[in-house]
PDB file of N, CA and C in Angstrom:
ATOM      1  N   MET A   1     -86.007 -45.224   7.698  1.00  0.00           N
ATOM      2  CA  MET A   1     -86.153 -46.384   7.982  1.00  0.00           C
ATOM      3  C   MET A   1     -86.294 -46.977   9.074  1.00  0.00           C
ATOM      4  N   ARG A   2     -84.861 -46.614   9.657  1.00  0.00           N
ATOM      5  CA  ARG A   2     -84.607 -46.923  11.286  1.00  0.00           C
ATOM      6  C   ARG A   2     -86.252 -46.851  11.891  1.00  0.00           C
ATOM      7  N   ASN A   3     -87.173 -46.076  11.653  1.00  0.00           N
ATOM      8  CA  ASN A   3     -87.949 -46.331  12.353  1.00  0.00           C
ATOM      9  C   ASN A   3     -89.279 -47.680  11.862  1.00  0.00           C
ATOM     10  N   LEU A   4     -88.649 -47.655  10.904  1.00  0.00           N
ATOM     11  CA  LEU A   4     -89.687 -48.959   9.874  1.00  0.00           C
ATOM     12  C   LEU A   4     -88.784 -50.693  10.650  1.00  0.00           C
ATOM     13  N   VAL A   5     -87.535 -50.190  10.868  1.00  0.00           N
ATOM     14  CA  VAL A   5     -86.771 -51.525  11.324  1.00  0.00           C
ATOM     15  C   VAL A   5     -87.454 -51.894  12.153  1.00  0.00           C
ATOM     16  N   ARG A   6     -87.248 -51.151  13.734  1.00  0.00           N
ATOM     17  CA  ARG A   6     -87.558 -51.251  15.273  1.00  0.00           C
ATOM     18  C   ARG A   6     -88.999 -51.359  15.344  1.00  0.00           C
ATOM     19  N   ARG A   7     -90.045 -50.746  13.749  1.00  0.00           N
ATOM     20  CA  ARG A   7     -91.712 -50.938  13.899  1.00  0.00           C
ATOM     21  C   ARG A   7     -91.013 -52.848  14.001  1.00  0.00           C
ATOM     22  N   HIS A   8     -90.533 -53.243  12.923  1.00  0.00           N
ATOM     23  CA  HIS A   8     -90.764 -54.519  12.276  1.00  0.00           C
ATOM     24  C   HIS A   8     -89.864 -55.633  13.178  1.00  0.00           C
ATOM     25  N   ASN A   9     -89.419 -55.214  13.719  1.00  0.00           N
ATOM     26  CA  ASN A   9     -88.313 -56.279  15.202  1.00  0.00           C
ATOM     27  C   ASN A   9     -89.207 -56.082  16.310  1.00  0.00           C
ATOM     28  N   HIS A  10     -90.102 -55.034  16.617  1.00  0.00           N
ATOM     29  CA  HIS A  10     -90.880 -54.980  17.737  1.00  0.00           C
ATOM     30  C   HIS A  10     -92.331 -55.961  17.317  1.00  0.00           C
ATOM     31  N   ILE A  11     -92.853 -56.083  16.201  1.00  0.00           N
ATOM     32  CA  ILE A  11     -93.574 -57.015  15.764  1.00  0.00           C
ATOM     33  C   ILE A  11     -93.373 -58.175  15.805  1.00  0.00           C
ATOM     34  N   LEU A  12     -92.088 -58.637  15.753  1.00  0.00           N
ATOM     35  CA  LEU A  12     -91.536 -60.035  15.368  1.00  0.00           C
ATOM     36  C   LEU A  12     -91.225 -61.104  16.799  1.00  0.00           C
ATOM     37  N   LEU A  13     -90.789 -59.686  17.009  1.00  0.00           N
ATOM     38  CA  LEU A  13     -90.359 -60.435  19.340  1.00  0.00           C
ATOM     39  C   LEU A  13     -92.070 -60.715  19.345  1.00  0.00           C
ATOM     40  N   SER A  14     -92.879 -59.612  19.156  1.00  0.00           N
ATOM     41  CA  SER A  14     -94.241 -60.002  19.865  1.00  0.00           C
ATOM     42  C   SER A  14     -95.130 -61.190  19.108  1.00  0.00           C
ATOM     43  N   CYS A  15     -94.326 -61.135  18.434  1.00  0.00           N
ATOM     44  CA  CYS A  15     -95.191 -62.937  17.318  1.00  0.00           C
ATOM     45  C   CYS A  15     -94.450 -63.980  18.276  1.00  0.00           C
ATOM     46  N   ILE A  16     -93.198 -63.313  18.283  1.00  0.00           N
ATOM     47  CA  ILE A  16     -92.502 -64.625  18.921  1.00  0.00           C
ATOM     48  C   ILE A  16     -92.675 -65.311  20.101  1.00  0.00           C
ATOM     49  N   SER A  17     -92.781 -64.384  20.502  1.00  0.00           N
ATOM     50  CA  SER A  17     -92.984 -64.336  21.915  1.00  0.00           C
ATOM     51  C   SER A  17     -94.133 -64.645  23.347  1.00  0.00           C
ATOM     52  N   GLN A  18     -94.812 -64.103  22.443  1.00  0.00           N
ATOM     53  CA  GLN A  18     -96.931 -64.563  22.281  1.00  0.00           C
ATOM     54  C   GLN A  18     -97.531 -65.524  22.024  1.00  0.00           C
ATOM     55  N   ARG A  19     -97.704 -66.302  22.953  1.00  0.00           N
ATOM     56  CA  ARG A  19     -98.981 -67.266  22.742  1.00  0.00           C
ATOM     57  C   ARG A  19     -99.050 -67.062  21.722  1.00  0.00           C
ATOM     58  N   PHE A  20     -99.674 -66.367  20.651  1.00  0.00           N
ATOM     59  CA  PHE A  20     -99.940 -66.187  19.082  1.00  0.00           C
ATOM     60  C   PHE A  20    -102.085 -66.618  19.368  1.00  0.00           C
ATOM     61  N   VAL A  21    -102.257 -65.262  20.761  1.00  0.00           N
ATOM     62  CA  VAL A  21    -103.773 -65.778  21.037  1.00  0.00           C
ATOM     63  C   VAL A  21    -104.427 -65.337  19.833  1.00  0.00           C
ATOM     64  N   THR A  22    -104.224 -63.906  19.156  1.00  0.00           N
ATOM     65  CA  THR A  22    -104.627 -63.802  18.061  1.00  0.00           C
ATOM     66  C   THR A  22    -104.698 -64.245  17.003  1.00  0.00           C
ATOM     67  N   LEU A  23    -103.554 -65.040  16.627  1.00  0.00           N
ATOM     68  CA  LEU A  23    -103.654 -65.545  15.038  1.00  0.00           C
ATOM     69  C   LEU A  23    -104.420 -66.787  15.474  1.00  0.00           C
ATOM     70  N   ARG A  24    -104.272 -67.268  16.593  1.00  0.00           N
ATOM     71  CA  ARG A  24    -105.141 -68.527  16.872  1.00  0.00           C
ATOM     72  C   ARG A  24    -104.369 -70.007  16.239  1.00  0.00           C
ATOM     73  N   LEU A  25    -102.629 -69.981  16.596  1.00  0.00           N
ATOM     74  CA  LEU A  25    -101.595 -71.056  15.665  1.00  0.00           C
ATOM     75  C   LEU A  25    -102.204 -72.395  17.400  1.00  0.00           C
ATOM     76  N   ASP A  26    -102.081 -73.332  16.889  1.00  0.00           N
ATOM     77  CA  ASP A  26    -102.225 -74.411  17.612  1.00  0.00           C
ATOM     78  C   ASP A  26    -100.756 -74.679  18.244  1.00  0.00           C
ATOM     79  N   ASP A  27    -100.732 -75.450  19.376  1.00  0.00           N
ATOM     80  CA  ASP A  27     -98.513 -75.716  19.705  1.00  0.00           C
ATOM     81  C   ASP A  27     -97.750 -75.674  18.804  1.00  0.00           C
ATOM     82  N   SER A  28     -98.557 -77.048  17.669  1.00  0.00           N
ATOM     83  CA  SER A  28     -97.088 -77.146  17.055  1.00  0.00           C
ATOM     84  C   SER A  28     -97.072 -76.520  16.167  1.00  0.00           C
ATOM     85  N   ALA A  29     -98.032 -75.459  15.493  1.00  0.00           N
ATOM     86  CA  ALA A  29     -97.726 -74.917  14.566  1.00  0.00           C
ATOM     87  C   ALA A  29     -96.701 -73.039  15.256  1.00  0.00           C
ATOM     88  N   GLU A  30     -96.680 -73.184  16.528  1.00  0.00           N
ATOM     89  CA  GLU A  30     -96.195 -72.364  17.575  1.00  0.00           C
ATOM     90  C   GLU A  30     -94.860 -72.972  17.061  1.00  0.00           C
ATOM     91  N   LEU A  31     -94.739 -74.025  17.991  1.00  0.00           N
ATOM     92  CA  LEU A  31     -93.584 -74.435  18.192  1.00  0.00           C
ATOM     93  C   LEU A  31     -93.054 -74.336  16.853  1.00  0.00           C
ATOM     94  N   SER A  32     -93.303 -74.870  15.386  1.00  0.00           N
ATOM     95  CA  SER A  32     -92.904 -75.441  14.809  1.00  0.00           C
ATOM     96  C   SER A  32     -91.885 -73.687  14.393  1.00  0.00           C
ATOM     97  N   LEU A  33     -93.279 -72.607  13.889  1.00  0.00           N
ATOM     98  CA  LEU A  33     -92.910 -70.624  14.031  1.00  0.00           C
ATOM     99  C   LEU A  33     -91.433 -70.864  14.851  1.00  0.00           C
ATOM    100  N   ARG A  34     -91.362 -71.149  15.800  1.00  0.00           N
ATOM    101  CA  ARG A  34     -89.887 -70.314  16.431  1.00  0.00           C
ATOM    102  C   ARG A  34     -88.654 -71.390  16.889  1.00  0.00           C
ATOM    103  N   ARG A  35     -89.060 -72.378  15.955  1.00  0.00           N
ATOM    104  CA  ARG A  35     -87.577 -73.519  15.721  1.00  0.00           C
ATOM    105  C   ARG A  35     -86.890 -72.620  14.823  1.00  0.00           C
ATOM    106  N   SER A  36     -87.818 -72.862  13.151  1.00  0.00           N
ATOM    107  CA  SER A  36     -87.686 -72.412  12.083  1.00  0.00           C
ATOM    108  C   SER A  36     -86.900 -71.104  12.088  1.00  0.00           C
ATOM    109  N   THR A  37     -87.307 -69.601  13.359  1.00  0.00           N
ATOM    110  CA  THR A  37     -86.577 -68.840  13.517  1.00  0.00           C
ATOM    111  C   THR A  37     -85.239 -69.249  13.949  1.00  0.00           C
ATOM    112  N   VAL A  38     -84.877 -69.749  14.926  1.00  0.00           N
ATOM    113  CA  VAL A  38     -84.185 -69.520  15.436  1.00  0.00           C
ATOM    114  C   VAL A  38     -82.821 -70.922  14.671  1.00  0.00           C
ATOM    115  N   ASN A  39     -83.680 -71.604  14.065  1.00  0.00           N
ATOM    116  CA  ASN A  39     -82.789 -72.936  13.179  1.00  0.00           C
ATOM    117  C   ASN A  39     -82.321 -70.713  11.578  1.00  0.00           C
ATOM    118  N   THR A  40     -83.168 -70.419  11.950  1.00  0.00           N
ATOM    119  CA  THR A  40     -82.841 -68.843  11.063  1.00  0.00           C
ATOM    120  C   THR A  40     -81.680 -68.566  11.300  1.00  0.00           C
ATOM    121  N   TYR A  41     -81.818 -68.155  12.836  1.00  0.00           N
ATOM    122  CA  TYR A  41     -80.846 -66.742  13.261  1.00  0.00           C
ATOM    123  C   TYR A  41     -79.397 -68.123  13.522  1.00  0.00           C
ATOM    124  N   VAL A  42     -79.179 -69.407  14.092  1.00  0.00           N
ATOM    125  CA  VAL A  42     -78.932 -69.930  13.394  1.00  0.00           C
ATOM    126  C   VAL A  42     -77.642 -69.903  12.732  1.00  0.00           C
ATOM    127  N   SER A  43     -77.947 -70.121  11.175  1.00  0.00           N
ATOM    128  CA  SER A  43     -77.499 -69.633  10.152  1.00  0.00           C
ATOM    129  C   SER A  43     -76.991 -68.706   9.835  1.00  0.00           C
ATOM    130  N   ILE A  44     -77.712 -67.791  10.325  1.00  0.00           N
ATOM    131  CA  ILE A  44     -77.301 -66.429  10.675  1.00  0.00           C
ATOM    132  C   ILE A  44     -75.677 -65.690  11.585  1.00  0.00           C
ATOM    133  N   LEU A  45     -75.951 -66.543  12.053  1.00  0.00           N
ATOM    134  CA  LEU A  45     -74.766 -66.783  13.501  1.00  0.00           C
ATOM    135  C   LEU A  45     -73.250 -67.422  13.100  1.00  0.00           C
ATOM    136  N   LEU A  46     -73.464 -68.552  12.234  1.00  0.00           N
ATOM    137  CA  LEU A  46     -72.535 -69.077  11.298  1.00  0.00           C
ATOM    138  C   LEU A  46     -72.099 -69.485   9.652  1.00  0.00           C
ATOM    139  N   SER A  47     -73.061 -67.850   9.369  1.00  0.00           N
ATOM    140  CA  SER A  47     -72.703 -67.688   8.232  1.00  0.00           C
ATOM    141  C   SER A  47     -71.718 -66.612   8.137  1.00  0.00           C
ATOM    142  N   SER A  48     -70.869 -66.583   7.298  1.00  0.00           N
ATOM    143  CA  SER A  48     -68.905 -66.201   6.768  1.00  0.00           C
ATOM    144  C   SER A  48     -69.629 -65.557   5.241  1.00  0.00           C
ATOM    145  N   ASN A  49     -70.663 -65.560   4.718  1.00  0.00           N
ATOM    146  CA  ASN A  49     -71.153 -64.217   3.894  1.00  0.00           C
ATOM    147  C   ASN A  49     -71.242 -62.809   4.229  1.00  0.00           C
ATOM    148  N   LYS A  50     -72.268 -63.128   5.019  1.00  0.00           N
ATOM    149  CA  LYS A  50     -72.169 -61.018   5.918  1.00  0.00           C
ATOM    150  C   LYS A  50     -71.805 -61.697   7.410  1.00  0.00           C
ATOM    151  N   PRO A  51     -70.648 -60.991   7.799  1.00  0.00           N
ATOM    152  CA  PRO A  51     -70.329 -60.757   8.999  1.00  0.00           C
ATOM    153  C   PRO A  51     -71.139 -60.798  10.039  1.00  0.00           C
ATOM    154  N   ILE A  52     -71.915 -61.543  11.118  1.00  0.00           N
ATOM    155  CA  ILE A  52     -72.931 -60.759  12.199  1.00  0.00           C
ATOM    156  C   ILE A  52     -72.500 -58.882  12.628  1.00  0.00           C
ATOM    157  N   LEU A  53     -72.122 -58.807  12.406  1.00  0.00           N
ATOM    158  CA  LEU A  53     -70.925 -57.141  13.602  1.00  0.00           C
ATOM    159  C   LEU A  53     -71.618 -56.954  12.473  1.00  0.00           C
ATOM    160  N   GLN A  54     -71.535 -57.187  11.097  1.00  0.00           N
ATOM    161  CA  GLN A  54     -72.124 -55.803   9.789  1.00  0.00           C
ATOM    162  C   GLN A  54     -73.951 -55.807  10.181  1.00  0.00           C
ATOM    163  N   TYR A  55     -74.794 -56.210  10.248  1.00  0.00           N
ATOM    164  CA  TYR A  55     -76.269 -55.978  10.976  1.00  0.00           C
ATOM    165  C   TYR A  55     -75.984 -54.999  11.531  1.00  0.00           C
ATOM    166  N   PRO A  56     -77.702 -54.364  11.794  1.00  0.00           N
ATOM    167  CA  PRO A  56     -77.455 -53.231  12.260  1.00  0.00           C
ATOM    168  C   PRO A  56     -77.911 -53.734  14.297  1.00  0.00           C
ATOM    169  N   ASP A  57     -76.802 -53.264  15.429  1.00  0.00           N
ATOM    170  CA  ASP A  57     -77.270 -53.782  16.566  1.00  0.00           C
ATOM    171  C   ASP A  57     -78.537 -54.137  17.129  1.00  0.00           C
ATOM    172  N   ILE A  58     -80.205 -53.550  16.855  1.00  0.00           N
ATOM    173  CA  ILE A  58     -81.157 -53.971  17.293  1.00  0.00           C
ATOM    174  C   ILE A  58     -81.611 -55.009  16.833  1.00  0.00           C
ATOM    175  N   PHE A  59     -81.230 -55.423  15.956  1.00  0.00           N
ATOM    176  CA  PHE A  59     -81.229 -57.387  15.121  1.00  0.00           C
ATOM    177  C   PHE A  59     -80.218 -57.690  15.818  1.00  0.00           C
ATOM    178  N   ILE A  60     -79.087 -57.125  16.172  1.00  0.00           N
ATOM    179  CA  ILE A  60     -78.363 -58.639  16.925  1.00  0.00           C
ATOM    180  C   ILE A  60     -78.611 -58.773  18.249  1.00  0.00           C
ATOM    181  N   GLN A  61     -79.511 -57.588  18.624  1.00  0.00           N
ATOM    182  CA  GLN A  61     -79.933 -58.311  20.688  1.00  0.00           C
ATOM    183  C   GLN A  61     -81.161 -58.419  20.130  1.00  0.00           C
ATOM    184  N   ILE A  62     -82.086 -58.591  18.739  1.00  0.00           N
ATOM    185  CA  ILE A  62     -83.231 -59.554  19.058  1.00  0.00           C
ATOM    186  C   ILE A  62     -82.705 -61.008  18.422  1.00  0.00           C
ATOM    187  N   MET A  63     -81.781 -61.142  17.932  1.00  0.00           N
ATOM    188  CA  MET A  63     -81.572 -62.405  17.863  1.00  0.00           C
ATOM    189  C   MET A  63     -80.994 -63.007  19.242  1.00  0.00           C
ATOM    190  N   SER A  64     -80.322 -62.511  19.999  1.00  0.00           N
ATOM    191  CA  SER A  64     -79.782 -63.329  20.919  1.00  0.00           C
ATOM    192  C   SER A  64     -81.113 -63.199  21.950  1.00  0.00           C
ATOM    193  N   TRP A  65     -81.259 -61.957  22.216  1.00  0.00           N
ATOM    194  CA  TRP A  65     -82.534 -62.891  22.862  1.00  0.00           C
ATOM    195  C   TRP A  65     -83.512 -64.020  22.271  1.00  0.00           C
ATOM    196  N   ILE A  66     -83.725 -63.984  21.195  1.00  0.00           N
ATOM    197  CA  ILE A  66     -84.573 -65.186  20.635  1.00  0.00           C
ATOM    198  C   ILE A  66     -83.766 -66.852  20.798  1.00  0.00           C
ATOM    199  N   LEU A  67     -82.160 -66.280  20.754  1.00  0.00           N
ATOM    200  CA  LEU A  67     -80.939 -68.077  20.343  1.00  0.00           C
ATOM    201  C   LEU A  67     -80.910 -67.862  22.320  1.00  0.00           C
ATOM    202  N   GLY A  68     -81.442 -67.125  23.537  1.00  0.00           N
ATOM    203  CA  GLY A  68     -81.027 -67.188  24.333  1.00  0.00           C
ATOM    204  C   GLY A  68     -82.440 -67.783  24.987  1.00  0.00           C
ATOM    205  N   GLU A  69     -83.561 -67.100  24.311  1.00  0.00           N
ATOM    206  CA  GLU A  69     -85.219 -67.968  24.753  1.00  0.00           C
ATOM    207  C   GLU A  69     -84.864 -69.434  24.864  1.00  0.00           C
ATOM    208  N   TYR A  70     -84.652 -69.551  23.527  1.00  0.00           N
ATOM    209  CA  TYR A  70     -85.460 -71.020  22.123  1.00  0.00           C
ATOM    210  C   TYR A  70     -84.658 -71.856  21.842  1.00  0.00           C
ATOM    211  N   GLY A  71     -83.083 -70.912  21.818  1.00  0.00           N
ATOM    212  CA  GLY A  71     -82.252 -71.682  21.433  1.00  0.00           C
ATOM    213  C   GLY A  71     -82.000 -73.292  21.844  1.00  0.00           C
ATOM    214  N   TYR A  72     -83.252 -74.088  22.359  1.00  0.00           N
ATOM    215  CA  TYR A  72     -82.700 -74.983  22.484  1.00  0.00           C
ATOM    216  C   TYR A  72     -83.980 -75.961  21.876  1.00  0.00           C
ATOM    217  N   LEU A  73     -84.235 -74.966  21.029  1.00  0.00           N
ATOM    218  CA  LEU A  73     -84.498 -75.710  19.489  1.00  0.00           C
ATOM    219  C   LEU A  73     -84.384 -76.015  18.481  1.00  0.00           C
ATOM    220  N   ALA A  74     -83.121 -75.242  18.801  1.00  0.00           N
ATOM    221  CA  ALA A  74     -81.792 -75.433  17.495  1.00  0.00           C
ATOM    222  C   ALA A  74     -81.728 -76.964  16.405  1.00  0.00           C
ATOM    223  N   ASP A  75     -81.744 -77.013  15.707  1.00  0.00           N
ATOM    224  CA  ASP A  75     -81.615 -78.793  14.581  1.00  0.00           C
ATOM    225  C   ASP A  75     -80.144 -78.592  14.994  1.00  0.00           C
ATOM    226  N   THR A  76     -78.978 -77.607  14.686  1.00  0.00           N
ATOM    227  CA  THR A  76     -77.900 -78.030  14.611  1.00  0.00           C
ATOM    228  C   THR A  76     -77.082 -77.649  15.600  1.00  0.00           C
ATOM    229  N   MET A  77     -77.100 -76.844  16.478  1.00  0.00           N
ATOM    230  CA  MET A  77     -76.175 -76.290  17.324  1.00  0.00           C
ATOM    231  C   MET A  77     -76.984 -76.597  19.124  1.00  0.00           C
ATOM    232  N   THR A  78     -75.942 -77.213  19.999  1.00  0.00           N
ATOM    233  CA  THR A  78     -75.875 -77.206  21.117  1.00  0.00           C
ATOM    234  C   THR A  78     -76.182 -75.200  22.103  1.00  0.00           C
ATOM    235  N   VAL A  79     -76.807 -75.680  22.563  1.00  0.00           N
ATOM    236  CA  VAL A  79     -76.946 -74.200  23.872  1.00  0.00           C
ATOM    237  C   VAL A  79     -75.602 -73.457  23.615  1.00  0.00           C
ATOM    238  N   GLU A  80     -75.016 -74.845  24.493  1.00  0.00           N
ATOM    239  CA  GLU A  80     -73.290 -74.425  24.802  1.00  0.00           C
ATOM    240  C   GLU A  80     -73.039 -73.683  23.423  1.00  0.00           C
ATOM    241  N   GLY A  81     -72.833 -73.953  22.352  1.00  0.00           N
ATOM    242  CA  GLY A  81     -72.337 -73.815  20.927  1.00  0.00           C
ATOM    243  C   GLY A  81     -73.066 -72.204  20.586  1.00  0.00           C
ATOM    244  N   ILE A  82     -74.463 -72.571  20.912  1.00  0.00           N
ATOM    245  CA  ILE A  82     -74.809 -71.118  20.244  1.00  0.00           C
ATOM    246  C   ILE A  82     -74.434 -70.150  21.766  1.00  0.00           C
ATOM    247  N   LEU A  83     -74.102 -70.108  22.725  1.00  0.00           N
ATOM    248  CA  LEU A  83     -73.541 -69.404  24.105  1.00  0.00           C
ATOM    249  C   LEU A  83     -72.325 -68.486  23.440  1.00  0.00           C
ATOM    250  N   GLU A  84     -71.045 -70.035  23.085  1.00  0.00           N
ATOM    251  CA  GLU A  84     -69.718 -69.451  22.660  1.00  0.00           C
ATOM    252  C   GLU A  84     -69.890 -68.654  21.759  1.00  0.00           C
ATOM    253  N   ARG A  85     -70.480 -69.202  20.570  1.00  0.00           N
ATOM    254  CA  ARG A  85     -70.729 -68.108  19.503  1.00  0.00           C
ATOM    255  C   ARG A  85     -70.577 -67.050  19.502  1.00  0.00           C
ATOM    256  N   MET A  86     -71.887 -66.648  20.673  1.00  0.00           N
ATOM    257  CA  MET A  86     -72.688 -65.009  20.830  1.00  0.00           C
ATOM    258  C   MET A  86     -71.509 -65.104  22.053  1.00  0.00           C
ATOM    259  N   CYS A  87     -70.219 -64.676  22.537  1.00  0.00           N
ATOM    260  CA  CYS A  87     -69.235 -64.453  23.552  1.00  0.00           C
ATOM    261  C   CYS A  87     -68.569 -64.567  23.045  1.00  0.00           C
ATOM    262  N   GLU A  88     -68.288 -65.268  21.198  1.00  0.00           N
ATOM    263  CA  GLU A  88     -66.919 -64.944  20.501  1.00  0.00           C
ATOM    264  C   GLU A  88     -67.682 -63.729  20.159  1.00  0.00           C
ATOM    265  N   LEU A  89     -68.726 -63.024  19.367  1.00  0.00           N
ATOM    266  CA  LEU A  89     -69.104 -62.103  18.686  1.00  0.00           C
ATOM    267  C   LEU A  89     -69.173 -61.097  19.115  1.00  0.00           C
ATOM    268  N   VAL A  90     -69.828 -61.237  20.807  1.00  0.00           N
ATOM    269  CA  VAL A  90     -69.343 -59.717  21.786  1.00  0.00           C
ATOM    270  C   VAL A  90     -68.122 -59.602  22.051  1.00  0.00           C
ATOM    271  N   SER A  91     -67.403 -60.401  22.089  1.00  0.00           N
ATOM    272  CA  SER A  91     -65.407 -59.967  22.354  1.00  0.00           C
ATOM    273  C   SER A  91     -64.909 -59.472  20.751  1.00  0.00           C
ATOM    274  N   LYS A  92     -65.690 -59.484  20.289  1.00  0.00           N
ATOM    275  CA  LYS A  92     -65.387 -59.258  18.979  1.00  0.00           C
ATOM    276  C   LYS A  92     -65.335 -57.601  18.777  1.00  0.00           C
ATOM    277  N   LYS A  93     -67.032 -57.404  18.937  1.00  0.00           N
ATOM    278  CA  LYS A  93     -67.643 -56.353  18.673  1.00  0.00           C
ATOM    279  C   LYS A  93     -66.632 -54.981  20.111  1.00  0.00           C
ATOM    280  N   ASN A  94     -67.082 -55.543  20.913  1.00  0.00           N
ATOM    281  CA  ASN A  94     -66.245 -54.924  21.670  1.00  0.00           C
ATOM    282  C   ASN A  94     -65.148 -54.082  21.210  1.00  0.00           C
ATOM    283  N   SER A  95     -63.900 -55.282  21.479  1.00  0.00           N
ATOM    284  CA  SER A  95     -62.742 -54.769  20.551  1.00  0.00           C
ATOM    285  C   SER A  95     -62.790 -54.313  18.716  1.00  0.00           C
ATOM    286  N   SER A  96     -63.291 -54.007  18.442  1.00  0.00           N
ATOM    287  CA  SER A  96     -64.152 -53.493  17.640  1.00  0.00           C
ATOM    288  C   SER A  96     -64.097 -52.224  17.750  1.00  0.00           C
ATOM    289  N   ALA A  97     -64.858 -52.239  18.867  1.00  0.00           N
ATOM    290  CA  ALA A  97     -65.520 -50.847  19.713  1.00  0.00           C
ATOM    291  C   ALA A  97     -64.449 -49.965  20.139  1.00  0.00           C
ATOM    292  N   ILE A  98     -63.503 -50.572  20.633  1.00  0.00           N
ATOM    293  CA  ILE A  98     -62.810 -49.461  21.081  1.00  0.00           C
ATOM    294  C   ILE A  98     -61.093 -49.274  20.333  1.00  0.00           C
ATOM    295  N   GLY A  99     -61.378 -49.732  18.997  1.00  0.00           N
ATOM    296  CA  GLY A  99     -60.308 -49.256  18.454  1.00  0.00           C
ATOM    297  C   GLY A  99     -59.666 -50.734  17.824  1.00  0.00           C
ATOM    298  N   GLY A 100     -59.934 -51.925  17.662  1.00  0.00           N
ATOM    299  CA  GLY A 100     -58.700 -53.416  17.859  1.00  0.00           C
ATOM    300  C   GLY A 100     -58.401 -53.796  18.907  1.00  0.00           C
ATOM    301  N   SER A 101     -58.066 -55.353  18.892  1.00  0.00           N
ATOM    302  CA  SER A 101     -57.855 -55.491  20.235  1.00  0.00           C
ATOM    303  C   SER A 101     -56.781 -55.280  20.700  1.00  0.00           C
ATOM    304  N   HIS A 102     -56.205 -54.895  21.795  1.00  0.00           N
ATOM    305  CA  HIS A 102     -54.648 -55.252  22.556  1.00  0.00           C
ATOM    306  C   HIS A 102     -54.826 -55.933  23.212  1.00  0.00           C
ATOM    307  N   GLU A 103     -53.438 -56.823  23.032  1.00  0.00           N
ATOM    308  CA  GLU A 103     -53.177 -57.916  23.810  1.00  0.00           C
ATOM    309  C   GLU A 103     -52.585 -56.987  25.136  1.00  0.00           C
ATOM    310  N   ALA A 104     -52.522 -57.775  26.654  1.00  0.00           N
ATOM    311  CA  ALA A 104     -52.018 -57.039  27.731  1.00  0.00           C
ATOM    312  C   ALA A 104     -50.231 -57.861  27.885  1.00  0.00           C
ATOM    313  N   LYS A 105     -49.683 -56.921  28.038  1.00  0.00           N
ATOM    314  CA  LYS A 105     -48.916 -57.256  28.306  1.00  0.00           C
ATOM    315  C   LYS A 105     -47.509 -57.638  29.437  1.00  0.00           C
TER     316      LYS A 105
END
């Protein structure tokens, strides 16, 4: 299963990052696919149904790369808003990885 997820993620990364030469998408179709992907990831980022930290690390890494590369295409968030939300998630993930958040005294 893990290999299947990695293969799927590799294909997704390849499709989104390349110029789609083999698929022969025109510029507007390529832009539309990227915008759709960014908007999907933004909705996942903001979703309260399934907290983002419950997704596999590889998914979070890919989502982070896509949002970092193409976040300016988002319809509902600014790039700054996306980055702030991603930073919040990294902080939460780091604090949960070390056994919870601890305040400095």
